[in-house]
């Protein structure tokens, strides 16, 4: 689990979930004020995963 390949995949899952949430809410013509907190959380989690990965594996 501590390999280089897993972390970008986890981050990509969060980013894809945020994009899918945005598409679904736009498709059903719902208010984005409901989806905005979820979008911020998902994007924040993706960025946090990438930052944590960089701290564990600094560039050589």
N, C-alpha and C. Protein backbone atom coordinates (compact mmCIF):
# COMPACT_ATOMS: atom_id res chain seq x y z
N UNK A 1 0.81 -1.19 0.00
CA UNK A 1 0.00 0.00 0.00
C UNK A 1 0.86 1.26 0.00
N UNK A 2 2.11 1.14 0.32
CA UNK A 2 2.99 2.29 0.43
C UNK A 2 3.77 2.50 -0.87
N UNK A 3 3.26 2.00 -1.96
CA UNK A 3 3.98 2.15 -3.22
C UNK A 3 3.66 3.49 -3.86
N UNK A 4 4.41 3.81 -4.87
CA UNK A 4 4.24 5.09 -5.56
C UNK A 4 2.94 5.11 -6.36
N UNK A 5 2.47 3.96 -6.80
CA UNK A 5 1.32 3.92 -7.71
C UNK A 5 -0.04 4.05 -7.02
N UNK A 6 -0.13 3.75 -5.73
CA UNK A 6 -1.44 3.74 -5.09
C UNK A 6 -1.96 5.12 -4.76
N UNK A 7 -1.11 6.01 -4.32
CA UNK A 7 -1.58 7.32 -3.86
C UNK A 7 -2.25 8.13 -4.97
N UNK A 8 -1.67 8.24 -6.16
CA UNK A 8 -2.38 8.98 -7.21
C UNK A 8 -3.72 8.35 -7.57
N UNK A 9 -3.85 7.06 -7.42
CA UNK A 9 -5.13 6.40 -7.70
C UNK A 9 -6.18 6.79 -6.68
N UNK A 10 -5.80 6.85 -5.40
CA UNK A 10 -6.74 7.28 -4.37
C UNK A 10 -7.16 8.72 -4.59
N UNK A 11 -6.20 9.58 -4.92
CA UNK A 11 -6.53 10.98 -5.18
C UNK A 11 -7.44 11.09 -6.40
N UNK A 12 -7.18 10.30 -7.43
CA UNK A 12 -8.00 10.34 -8.64
C UNK A 12 -9.44 9.92 -8.34
N UNK A 13 -9.62 8.98 -7.43
CA UNK A 13 -10.97 8.55 -7.06
C UNK A 13 -11.74 9.72 -6.43
N UNK A 14 -11.08 10.47 -5.55
CA UNK A 14 -11.74 11.64 -4.94
C UNK A 14 -12.08 12.69 -6.00
N UNK A 15 -11.15 12.96 -6.91
CA UNK A 15 -11.40 13.96 -7.95
C UNK A 15 -12.50 13.51 -8.92
N UNK A 16 -12.51 12.24 -9.27
CA UNK A 16 -13.55 11.72 -10.15
C UNK A 16 -14.92 11.74 -9.45
N UNK A 17 -14.93 11.45 -8.16
CA UNK A 17 -16.19 11.51 -7.42
C UNK A 17 -16.73 12.94 -7.39
N UNK A 18 -15.84 13.91 -7.23
CA UNK A 18 -16.27 15.31 -7.24
C UNK A 18 -16.81 15.70 -8.61
N UNK A 19 -16.13 15.27 -9.66
CA UNK A 19 -16.60 15.59 -11.02
C UNK A 19 -17.94 14.91 -11.30
N UNK A 20 -18.09 13.68 -10.89
CA UNK A 20 -19.34 12.96 -11.09
C UNK A 20 -20.48 13.61 -10.31
N UNK A 21 -20.20 14.03 -9.10
CA UNK A 21 -21.21 14.72 -8.30
C UNK A 21 -21.66 16.00 -8.99
N UNK A 22 -20.71 16.74 -9.53
CA UNK A 22 -21.05 17.98 -10.22
C UNK A 22 -21.89 17.71 -11.46
N UNK A 23 -21.52 16.70 -12.23
CA UNK A 23 -22.27 16.35 -13.44
C UNK A 23 -23.69 15.90 -13.08
N UNK A 24 -23.82 15.08 -12.05
CA UNK A 24 -25.15 14.60 -11.66
C UNK A 24 -26.04 15.75 -11.20
N UNK A 25 -25.48 16.64 -10.38
CA UNK A 25 -26.29 17.76 -9.90
C UNK A 25 -26.67 18.70 -11.03
N UNK A 26 -25.78 18.88 -12.02
CA UNK A 26 -26.13 19.71 -13.16
C UNK A 26 -27.16 19.01 -14.06
N UNK A 27 -27.06 17.69 -14.17
CA UNK A 27 -27.98 16.94 -15.03
C UNK A 27 -29.41 16.95 -14.48
N UNK A 28 -29.53 16.87 -13.16
CA UNK A 28 -30.88 16.86 -12.60
C UNK A 28 -31.36 18.28 -12.28
N UNK A 29 -30.54 19.25 -12.63
CA UNK A 29 -30.89 20.67 -12.47
C UNK A 29 -31.18 21.01 -11.01
N UNK A 30 -30.38 20.45 -10.12
CA UNK A 30 -30.54 20.72 -8.69
C UNK A 30 -29.70 21.92 -8.28
N UNK A 31 -29.98 22.42 -7.12
CA UNK A 31 -29.24 23.57 -6.60
C UNK A 31 -27.83 23.13 -6.21
N UNK A 32 -26.85 23.87 -6.66
CA UNK A 32 -25.47 23.53 -6.34
C UNK A 32 -25.09 23.92 -4.92
N UNK A 33 -25.96 24.63 -4.23
CA UNK A 33 -25.66 24.94 -2.83
C UNK A 33 -25.70 23.68 -1.97
N UNK A 34 -26.42 22.69 -2.43
CA UNK A 34 -26.43 21.40 -1.72
C UNK A 34 -25.15 20.64 -2.00
N UNK A 35 -24.67 20.69 -3.22
CA UNK A 35 -23.50 19.91 -3.62
C UNK A 35 -22.18 20.60 -3.28
N UNK A 36 -22.19 21.90 -3.08
CA UNK A 36 -20.94 22.64 -2.88
C UNK A 36 -20.11 22.12 -1.71
N UNK A 37 -20.69 21.87 -0.53
CA UNK A 37 -19.85 21.34 0.56
C UNK A 37 -19.25 19.98 0.22
N UNK A 38 -20.01 19.12 -0.44
CA UNK A 38 -19.48 17.81 -0.82
C UNK A 38 -18.35 17.95 -1.83
N UNK A 39 -18.50 18.87 -2.78
CA UNK A 39 -17.44 19.10 -3.76
C UNK A 39 -16.16 19.58 -3.08
N UNK A 40 -16.31 20.51 -2.17
CA UNK A 40 -15.13 21.04 -1.46
C UNK A 40 -14.46 19.94 -0.64
N UNK A 41 -15.25 19.11 0.01
CA UNK A 41 -14.68 18.02 0.82
C UNK A 41 -13.95 17.03 -0.07
N UNK A 42 -14.55 16.62 -1.18
CA UNK A 42 -13.92 15.63 -2.05
C UNK A 42 -12.63 16.16 -2.68
N UNK A 43 -12.65 17.39 -3.15
CA UNK A 43 -11.44 17.97 -3.73
C UNK A 43 -10.38 18.15 -2.64
N UNK A 44 -10.80 18.57 -1.46
CA UNK A 44 -9.86 18.72 -0.35
C UNK A 44 -9.21 17.40 0.05
N UNK A 45 -9.99 16.34 0.07
CA UNK A 45 -9.44 15.02 0.39
C UNK A 45 -8.43 14.57 -0.68
N UNK A 46 -8.74 14.81 -1.94
CA UNK A 46 -7.80 14.47 -3.01
C UNK A 46 -6.49 15.22 -2.88
N UNK A 47 -6.58 16.51 -2.58
CA UNK A 47 -5.36 17.31 -2.41
C UNK A 47 -4.60 16.86 -1.17
N UNK A 48 -5.31 16.55 -0.09
CA UNK A 48 -4.65 16.09 1.13
C UNK A 48 -3.90 14.78 0.91
N UNK A 49 -4.48 13.88 0.14
CA UNK A 49 -3.81 12.61 -0.16
C UNK A 49 -2.51 12.87 -0.92
N UNK A 50 -2.57 13.77 -1.90
CA UNK A 50 -1.36 14.07 -2.67
C UNK A 50 -0.30 14.76 -1.82
N UNK A 51 -0.71 15.67 -0.95
CA UNK A 51 0.26 16.36 -0.08
C UNK A 51 0.89 15.37 0.89
N UNK A 52 0.09 14.51 1.47
CA UNK A 52 0.64 13.53 2.41
C UNK A 52 1.62 12.59 1.71
N UNK A 53 1.31 12.23 0.48
CA UNK A 53 2.21 11.37 -0.30
C UNK A 53 3.55 12.07 -0.55
N UNK A 54 3.50 13.36 -0.86
CA UNK A 54 4.75 14.11 -1.10
C UNK A 54 5.60 14.21 0.14
N UNK A 55 4.96 14.31 1.31
CA UNK A 55 5.70 14.41 2.55
C UNK A 55 6.36 13.09 2.90
N UNK A 56 5.72 11.99 2.56
CA UNK A 56 6.30 10.67 2.84
C UNK A 56 7.38 10.30 1.83
N UNK A 57 7.21 10.72 0.59
CA UNK A 57 8.13 10.37 -0.49
C UNK A 57 8.62 11.65 -1.16
N UNK A 58 9.57 12.35 -0.57
CA UNK A 58 10.06 13.58 -1.21
C UNK A 58 10.74 13.27 -2.53
N UNK A 59 10.73 14.25 -3.42
CA UNK A 59 11.37 14.08 -4.73
C UNK A 59 12.86 13.85 -4.53
N UNK A 60 13.38 12.96 -5.34
CA UNK A 60 14.80 12.64 -5.20
C UNK A 60 15.63 13.40 -6.17
